[in-house]
Amino acid sequence: MINKKYNPIKNTLSLKAYLLLLLFGCASAKAAKELPRWIGDPTSKYHEALYITAVGSGSSREEAKRDAIASLSNIFSVDVSFDKRIIEAYTEERKGKKIDVDHSINLLTKSALKSENRLINVRDGETFFDEKTGTFYVLVFINRAETEPLYLEEIKKNDDVLEEYYSSFHTVIDKLEKFIYLKKAMQIASVNEGLRQIHRLISQMDDTPEPLITKQRLTKELYDLGKNLTVNIKVIGVYPEEFAGFLREVIQETGFTCDGENADLTIKAHLKIEPIDLPREEKFVRWRLLIDVYNGMTGNTMETFAREGREGHATFEAAKSRALREVRKILMDEFYIEFNKFLNQSVGD
């Protein structure tokens, strides 16, 4: 049998080390328990029936607040589609009144939560700093009772203007005017569709007013009317088939029908793409786009739409393909807006 010599100093040190570890573990557990309950359960501080809440964390108070607002914005995500290009083209003063569509759209997006003007009443709730981890925690909240009327007022204001547009659609005879009133009405209906979703989220009651004029009805009437509004597209220059196809996309997305005979509007477009010699390994092309639009219903001509640019790639063909993609992007964005503005301005107030 081997006799182990008892070492009181060594055993004492081991005991002290064990006690220190035990105390450290208890201290850690105590520190963890000291975190406020609202960090894991914000409804314990702000009741869910009265408030919408979110908690964020970060290395500074500002970072923690941004994180909390980002979490809050996810709660307010709504499934709604509206075309900002059409909003830009068709929103204007009419009869001395202006509908603030930008304000309504902000209420549907994260910018409403992140902005300092508190469009939807985001308030600071609680703040806590965890000294152990160096982490800030911030709770933000939205008061349901205060915020619900804000959305209700916005919905009502938009519905009133929508009904004015829809009434004008039935009153006027000119088919282009009818189309424009419907286009305006449909965009407002799209925005209000999202506002209604958020109002239901905030109120938690089945008291959100239903629209008198639905987006589905407007969409159908716009489609039926668009079949009687025709556009003739004439293109010259390089890649005529692809170029004409891009323009047809714009026309069809606007809601019109492409027709080569007795058309209401005529689009004449020219695209030029040519190689340029630059002291680089890549191959480059220069492109230039010119488009004229004539409105046969009113006799108005749109100011010539002109754009140009340069694209490069490993080969000239690849550079030309890149130029075509850029042209399509410009047509579906910038030209689409200008074309619809021209339609709107063609009829006036």
Protein backbone atom coordinates (compact mmCIF):
# COMPACT_ATOMS: atom_id res chain seq x y z
CA MET A 1 0.00 0.00 0.00
CA ILE A 2 1.23 3.45 -0.89
CA ASN A 3 1.02 6.00 1.86
CA LYS A 4 -0.02 9.45 0.68
CA LYS A 5 1.44 12.19 2.71
CA TYR A 6 -1.10 14.73 3.87
CA ASN A 7 -0.21 18.26 2.69
CA PRO A 8 -2.28 20.81 4.66
CA ILE A 9 -0.96 23.80 2.68
CA LYS A 10 -1.81 22.26 -0.68
CA ASN A 11 -5.25 21.18 0.48
CA THR A 12 -5.91 24.60 1.95
CA LEU A 13 -5.05 26.25 -1.37
CA SER A 14 -7.28 23.83 -3.24
CA LEU A 15 -10.13 24.56 -0.89
CA LYS A 16 -9.66 28.30 -1.34
CA ALA A 17 -9.60 27.90 -5.12
CA TYR A 18 -12.80 25.86 -4.99
CA LEU A 19 -14.49 28.45 -2.81
CA LEU A 20 -13.40 31.23 -5.15
CA LEU A 21 -14.84 29.37 -8.15
CA LEU A 22 -18.04 28.77 -6.23
CA LEU A 23 -18.30 32.41 -5.27
CA PHE A 24 -17.54 33.52 -8.85
CA GLY A 25 -20.24 31.22 -10.17
CA CYS A 26 -22.76 32.55 -7.65
CA ALA A 27 -21.78 36.12 -8.47
CA SER A 28 -22.26 35.42 -12.19
CA ALA A 29 -25.63 33.87 -11.57
CA LYS A 30 -26.58 36.82 -9.39
CA ALA A 31 -25.46 39.27 -12.09
CA ALA A 32 -27.51 37.42 -14.67
CA LYS A 33 -30.56 37.54 -12.43
CA GLU A 34 -30.11 41.27 -12.00
CA LEU A 35 -31.12 41.91 -15.63
CA PRO A 36 -34.55 43.57 -15.60
CA ARG A 37 -37.42 41.31 -16.53
CA TRP A 38 -38.55 43.63 -19.33
CA ILE A 39 -35.43 42.79 -21.38
CA GLY A 40 -36.74 39.31 -22.03
CA ASP A 41 -40.42 40.17 -21.65
CA PRO A 42 -41.25 43.80 -22.50
CA THR A 43 -44.98 43.13 -21.96
CA SER A 44 -44.23 42.74 -18.25
CA LYS A 45 -43.60 46.50 -18.19
CA TYR A 46 -45.96 47.68 -20.95
CA HIS A 47 -49.09 45.59 -21.28
CA GLU A 48 -49.66 44.16 -24.75
CA ALA A 49 -53.28 45.31 -24.78
CA LEU A 50 -52.16 48.94 -24.46
CA TYR A 51 -48.75 49.07 -26.13
CA ILE A 52 -46.67 47.63 -28.95
CA THR A 53 -43.11 47.15 -27.67
CA ALA A 54 -39.64 46.07 -28.75
CA VAL A 55 -36.26 45.76 -27.03
CA GLY A 56 -32.85 46.36 -28.58
CA SER A 57 -29.27 46.02 -27.40
CA GLY A 58 -25.93 47.54 -28.37
CA SER A 59 -22.60 48.92 -27.24
CA SER A 60 -24.18 52.38 -26.83
CA ARG A 61 -27.61 53.68 -25.96
CA GLU A 62 -28.06 55.04 -29.48
CA GLU A 63 -27.14 51.68 -31.02
CA ALA A 64 -29.52 49.86 -28.69
CA LYS A 65 -32.34 52.23 -29.61
CA ARG A 66 -31.72 51.72 -33.33
CA ASP A 67 -31.81 47.98 -32.77
CA ALA A 68 -35.10 48.28 -30.86
CA ILE A 69 -36.67 50.41 -33.60
CA ALA A 70 -35.52 47.92 -36.23
CA SER A 71 -37.29 45.16 -34.29
CA LEU A 72 -40.38 47.34 -33.99
CA SER A 73 -40.38 48.01 -37.73
CA ASN A 74 -40.56 44.28 -38.43
CA ILE A 75 -43.80 44.16 -36.47
CA PHE A 76 -45.17 46.88 -38.76
CA SER A 77 -44.24 45.14 -42.00
CA VAL A 78 -47.31 44.97 -44.24
CA ASP A 79 -48.00 43.12 -47.45
CA VAL A 80 -48.96 45.93 -49.80
CA SER A 81 -47.77 46.95 -53.24
CA PHE A 82 -47.87 50.45 -54.65
CA ASP A 83 -45.97 51.95 -57.54
CA LYS A 84 -43.89 54.91 -56.35
CA ARG A 85 -43.26 55.83 -59.99
CA ILE A 86 -46.99 56.35 -60.51
CA ILE A 87 -47.24 58.25 -57.24
CA GLU A 88 -44.56 60.62 -58.55
CA ALA A 89 -46.29 60.99 -61.92
CA TYR A 90 -49.90 61.45 -60.80
CA THR A 91 -49.80 63.15 -57.39
CA GLU A 92 -50.49 66.87 -57.75
CA GLU A 93 -52.64 69.73 -56.57
CA ARG A 94 -56.22 69.47 -57.77
CA LYS A 95 -58.89 72.10 -57.07
CA GLY A 96 -56.71 73.77 -54.48
CA LYS A 97 -56.24 70.60 -52.42
CA LYS A 98 -53.27 68.29 -52.18
CA ILE A 99 -53.27 64.78 -50.81
CA ASP A 100 -50.00 64.12 -48.99
CA VAL A 101 -49.30 60.68 -50.41
CA ASP A 102 -45.67 60.84 -49.27
CA HIS A 103 -46.87 61.12 -45.68
CA SER A 104 -49.14 58.10 -46.13
CA ILE A 105 -46.32 56.07 -47.68
CA ASN A 106 -44.01 56.99 -44.81
CA LEU A 107 -46.56 55.54 -42.43
CA LEU A 108 -46.17 52.24 -44.29
CA THR A 109 -42.39 52.08 -44.26
CA LYS A 110 -39.54 51.78 -41.81
CA SER A 111 -38.69 55.44 -42.32
CA ALA A 112 -41.77 56.30 -40.27
CA LEU A 113 -40.26 54.56 -37.27
CA LYS A 114 -36.73 55.78 -37.77
CA SER A 115 -37.53 59.44 -38.31
CA GLU A 116 -37.28 61.90 -35.45
CA ASN A 117 -40.67 63.50 -36.11
CA ARG A 118 -42.30 60.36 -34.69
CA LEU A 119 -44.88 59.83 -37.37
CA ILE A 120 -46.35 56.97 -35.43
CA ASN A 121 -45.51 58.00 -31.89
CA VAL A 122 -42.48 55.84 -31.11
CA ARG A 123 -41.51 56.57 -27.51
CA ASP A 124 -38.52 55.70 -25.34
CA GLY A 125 -39.45 53.42 -22.48
CA GLU A 126 -36.77 51.81 -20.32
CA THR A 127 -32.96 51.83 -20.47
CA PHE A 128 -30.53 49.50 -18.72
CA PHE A 129 -26.72 49.17 -18.81
CA ASP A 130 -25.19 45.79 -17.99
CA GLU A 131 -21.78 46.61 -16.48
CA LYS A 132 -20.60 43.03 -16.76
CA THR A 133 -20.99 42.79 -20.52
CA GLY A 134 -20.87 46.50 -21.36
CA THR A 135 -24.24 46.21 -23.11
CA PHE A 136 -27.00 48.79 -23.26
CA TYR A 137 -30.66 47.71 -23.46
CA VAL A 138 -33.44 50.02 -24.61
CA LEU A 139 -37.19 49.41 -24.71
CA VAL A 140 -39.32 51.45 -27.12
CA PHE A 141 -43.09 51.44 -27.34
CA ILE A 142 -46.09 52.71 -29.25
CA ASN A 143 -49.22 53.66 -27.37
CA ARG A 144 -52.12 51.96 -29.17
CA ALA A 145 -54.80 54.40 -27.99
CA GLU A 146 -52.80 57.46 -29.10
CA THR A 147 -51.67 56.03 -32.45
CA GLU A 148 -54.84 54.33 -33.70
CA PRO A 149 -56.67 57.64 -34.44
CA LEU A 150 -53.69 58.88 -36.44
CA TYR A 151 -54.07 56.02 -38.92
CA LEU A 152 -57.84 56.28 -38.91
CA GLU A 153 -57.62 59.96 -39.84
CA GLU A 154 -55.13 59.23 -42.64
CA ILE A 155 -57.37 56.47 -44.05
CA LYS A 156 -60.44 58.72 -43.97
CA LYS A 157 -58.64 61.60 -45.68
CA ASN A 158 -57.35 59.33 -48.45
CA ASP A 159 -60.74 57.65 -48.92
CA ASP A 160 -62.38 61.06 -49.43
CA VAL A 161 -59.95 61.97 -52.21
CA LEU A 162 -60.24 58.49 -53.75
CA GLU A 163 -64.01 58.88 -53.94
CA GLU A 164 -63.57 62.28 -55.64
CA TYR A 165 -61.32 60.71 -58.27
CA TYR A 166 -63.71 57.83 -58.81
CA SER A 167 -66.65 60.18 -59.18
CA SER A 168 -64.68 62.21 -61.74
CA PHE A 169 -63.91 58.99 -63.62
CA HIS A 170 -67.64 58.40 -64.10
CA THR A 171 -68.34 62.05 -64.90
CA VAL A 172 -65.81 62.76 -67.68
CA ILE A 173 -66.24 61.43 -71.20
CA ASP A 174 -62.68 61.54 -72.57
CA LYS A 175 -61.11 58.08 -72.23
CA LEU A 176 -57.65 59.41 -71.34
CA GLU A 177 -59.11 61.53 -68.55
CA LYS A 178 -61.01 58.50 -67.33
CA PHE A 179 -57.79 56.51 -67.31
CA ILE A 180 -55.90 59.14 -65.32
CA TYR A 181 -58.61 59.46 -62.67
CA LEU A 182 -58.66 55.68 -62.30
CA LYS A 183 -54.86 55.56 -62.05
CA LYS A 184 -54.89 58.15 -59.29
CA ALA A 185 -57.67 56.36 -57.44
CA MET A 186 -55.95 52.97 -57.66
CA GLN A 187 -52.68 54.22 -56.22
CA ILE A 188 -54.47 55.80 -53.25
CA ALA A 189 -56.41 52.56 -52.78
CA SER A 190 -53.11 50.64 -52.70
CA VAL A 191 -51.66 52.92 -50.03
CA ASN A 192 -54.83 52.77 -47.95
CA GLU A 193 -54.81 48.98 -48.17
CA GLY A 194 -51.54 49.03 -46.22
CA LEU A 195 -52.77 51.66 -43.77
CA ARG A 196 -55.78 49.49 -42.99
CA GLN A 197 -53.53 46.51 -42.25
CA ILE A 198 -51.53 48.56 -39.75
CA HIS A 199 -54.67 50.04 -38.19
CA ARG A 200 -55.96 46.51 -37.52
CA LEU A 201 -52.60 45.61 -35.97
CA ILE A 202 -52.71 48.62 -33.64
CA SER A 203 -56.36 48.56 -32.63
CA GLN A 204 -56.56 44.75 -32.21
CA MET A 205 -60.27 45.10 -32.92
CA ASP A 206 -62.48 44.48 -35.90
CA ASP A 207 -63.29 48.18 -36.26
CA THR A 208 -61.20 49.18 -39.29
CA PRO A 209 -63.57 50.75 -41.85
CA GLU A 210 -63.84 48.79 -45.10
CA PRO A 211 -63.23 50.69 -48.35
CA LEU A 212 -66.32 51.72 -50.31
CA ILE A 213 -64.30 51.39 -53.53
CA THR A 214 -62.06 48.33 -53.61
CA LYS A 215 -58.69 48.05 -55.30
CA GLN A 216 -59.97 44.97 -57.16
CA ARG A 217 -62.81 46.96 -58.74
CA LEU A 218 -60.46 49.74 -59.79
CA THR A 219 -57.97 47.26 -61.26
CA LYS A 220 -60.64 45.63 -63.40
CA GLU A 221 -62.01 48.95 -64.66
CA LEU A 222 -58.49 50.17 -65.44
CA TYR A 223 -57.80 46.98 -67.41
CA ASP A 224 -61.03 47.27 -69.39
CA LEU A 225 -60.39 50.93 -70.19
CA GLY A 226 -56.76 50.29 -71.14
CA LYS A 227 -57.82 47.97 -73.95
CA ASN A 228 -59.30 51.03 -75.71
CA LEU A 229 -56.16 53.19 -75.30
CA THR A 230 -53.66 52.22 -77.97
CA VAL A 231 -50.03 53.08 -78.70
CA ASN A 232 -48.04 52.69 -81.90
CA ILE A 233 -44.30 52.11 -81.37
CA LYS A 234 -41.80 52.96 -84.10
CA VAL A 235 -38.10 52.31 -83.50
CA ILE A 236 -34.97 52.76 -85.57
CA GLY A 237 -31.30 52.11 -84.89
CA VAL A 238 -29.57 49.06 -83.45
CA TYR A 239 -31.31 46.12 -81.79
CA PRO A 240 -34.79 47.24 -82.96
CA GLU A 241 -36.60 44.12 -81.71
CA GLU A 242 -35.13 44.27 -78.21
CA PHE A 243 -35.62 48.03 -78.04
CA ALA A 244 -39.25 47.81 -79.17
CA GLY A 245 -39.80 45.05 -76.61
CA PHE A 246 -38.56 47.30 -73.81
CA LEU A 247 -40.96 50.04 -74.88
CA ARG A 248 -43.87 47.58 -75.05
CA GLU A 249 -43.14 46.68 -71.42
CA VAL A 250 -43.49 50.34 -70.45
CA ILE A 251 -46.76 50.70 -72.38
CA GLN A 252 -48.27 47.50 -71.02
CA GLU A 253 -47.23 48.30 -67.45
CA THR A 254 -48.81 51.73 -67.82
CA GLY A 255 -52.04 49.96 -68.78
CA PHE A 256 -52.30 50.68 -72.51
CA THR A 257 -52.49 48.36 -75.51
CA CYS A 258 -49.88 48.24 -78.28
CA ASP A 259 -51.52 48.66 -81.70
CA GLY A 260 -49.96 49.70 -84.98
CA GLU A 261 -53.11 51.09 -86.61
CA ASN A 262 -55.12 54.19 -85.69
CA ALA A 263 -53.32 54.45 -82.35
CA ASP A 264 -54.12 57.11 -79.77
CA LEU A 265 -50.44 57.76 -79.07
CA THR A 266 -47.33 57.36 -81.19
CA ILE A 267 -43.84 56.69 -79.83
CA LYS A 268 -40.86 57.27 -82.11
CA ALA A 269 -37.59 56.06 -80.64
CA HIS A 270 -33.98 55.84 -81.75
CA LEU A 271 -31.16 53.87 -80.14
CA LYS A 272 -27.53 54.11 -81.17
CA ILE A 273 -24.75 51.93 -79.74
CA GLU A 274 -21.23 52.25 -81.14
CA PRO A 275 -17.78 51.10 -80.06
CA ILE A 276 -15.32 53.65 -78.73
CA ASP A 277 -11.56 53.36 -78.57
CA LEU A 278 -10.11 53.75 -75.10
CA PRO A 279 -6.58 52.87 -73.90
CA ARG A 280 -7.78 50.03 -71.69
CA GLU A 281 -7.96 46.26 -71.85
CA GLU A 282 -11.76 46.32 -71.67
CA LYS A 283 -13.89 47.10 -74.71
CA PHE A 284 -16.25 50.07 -74.47
CA VAL A 285 -19.36 51.27 -76.26
CA ARG A 286 -21.20 54.57 -76.17
CA TRP A 287 -24.99 54.57 -76.35
CA ARG A 288 -27.54 57.32 -76.97
CA LEU A 289 -31.31 57.11 -76.58
CA LEU A 290 -33.92 59.50 -78.05
CA ILE A 291 -37.70 59.13 -77.64
CA ASP A 292 -40.55 61.36 -78.83
CA VAL A 293 -44.20 60.82 -77.87
CA TYR A 294 -47.17 62.32 -79.71
CA ASN A 295 -50.62 62.28 -78.13
CA GLY A 296 -53.11 62.08 -80.99
CA MET A 297 -56.05 62.61 -78.61
CA THR A 298 -54.88 66.04 -77.45
CA GLY A 299 -52.33 67.07 -80.07
CA ASN A 300 -49.60 67.43 -77.44
CA THR A 301 -46.02 66.28 -77.90
CA MET A 302 -43.84 65.17 -75.03
CA GLU A 303 -40.47 66.86 -74.63
CA THR A 304 -37.85 64.63 -76.22
CA PHE A 305 -36.58 62.06 -73.74
CA ALA A 306 -32.79 61.83 -74.22
CA ARG A 307 -30.24 59.79 -72.32
CA GLU A 308 -26.71 58.62 -73.06
CA GLY A 309 -23.98 56.66 -71.39
CA ARG A 310 -20.97 54.37 -71.70
CA GLU A 311 -20.54 50.69 -70.86
CA GLY A 312 -17.51 48.41 -70.85
CA HIS A 313 -16.78 44.67 -70.75
CA ALA A 314 -14.31 42.04 -71.96
CA THR A 315 -15.71 42.12 -75.52
CA PHE A 316 -17.68 44.61 -77.61
CA GLU A 317 -20.68 42.27 -77.74
CA ALA A 318 -20.68 41.95 -73.96
CA ALA A 319 -20.41 45.72 -73.62
CA LYS A 320 -23.36 46.15 -76.01
CA SER A 321 -25.41 43.69 -73.96
CA ARG A 322 -24.63 45.65 -70.83
CA ALA A 323 -25.68 48.86 -72.60
CA LEU A 324 -29.00 47.25 -73.56
CA ARG A 325 -29.64 46.27 -69.94
CA GLU A 326 -28.95 49.83 -68.85
CA VAL A 327 -31.31 51.18 -71.52
CA ARG A 328 -34.09 48.85 -70.35
CA LYS A 329 -33.56 49.95 -66.74
CA ILE A 330 -33.83 53.62 -67.73
CA LEU A 331 -36.95 52.98 -69.80
CA MET A 332 -38.72 51.14 -66.97
CA ASP A 333 -37.84 53.81 -64.44
CA GLU A 334 -37.11 57.30 -65.75
CA PHE A 335 -38.99 57.10 -69.05
CA TYR A 336 -41.94 55.37 -67.39
CA ILE A 337 -42.28 58.30 -64.98
CA GLU A 338 -41.87 60.96 -67.68
CA PHE A 339 -44.32 59.20 -70.00
CA ASN A 340 -46.99 59.01 -67.28
CA LYS A 341 -46.35 62.63 -66.25
CA PHE A 342 -46.92 63.61 -69.88
CA LEU A 343 -50.23 61.74 -69.91
CA ASN A 344 -51.31 63.43 -66.70
CA GLN A 345 -50.33 66.89 -67.91
CA SER A 346 -51.97 66.32 -71.30
CA VAL A 347 -55.45 66.64 -69.83
CA GLY A 348 -54.72 69.27 -67.17
CA ASP A 349 -57.13 70.04 -64.34
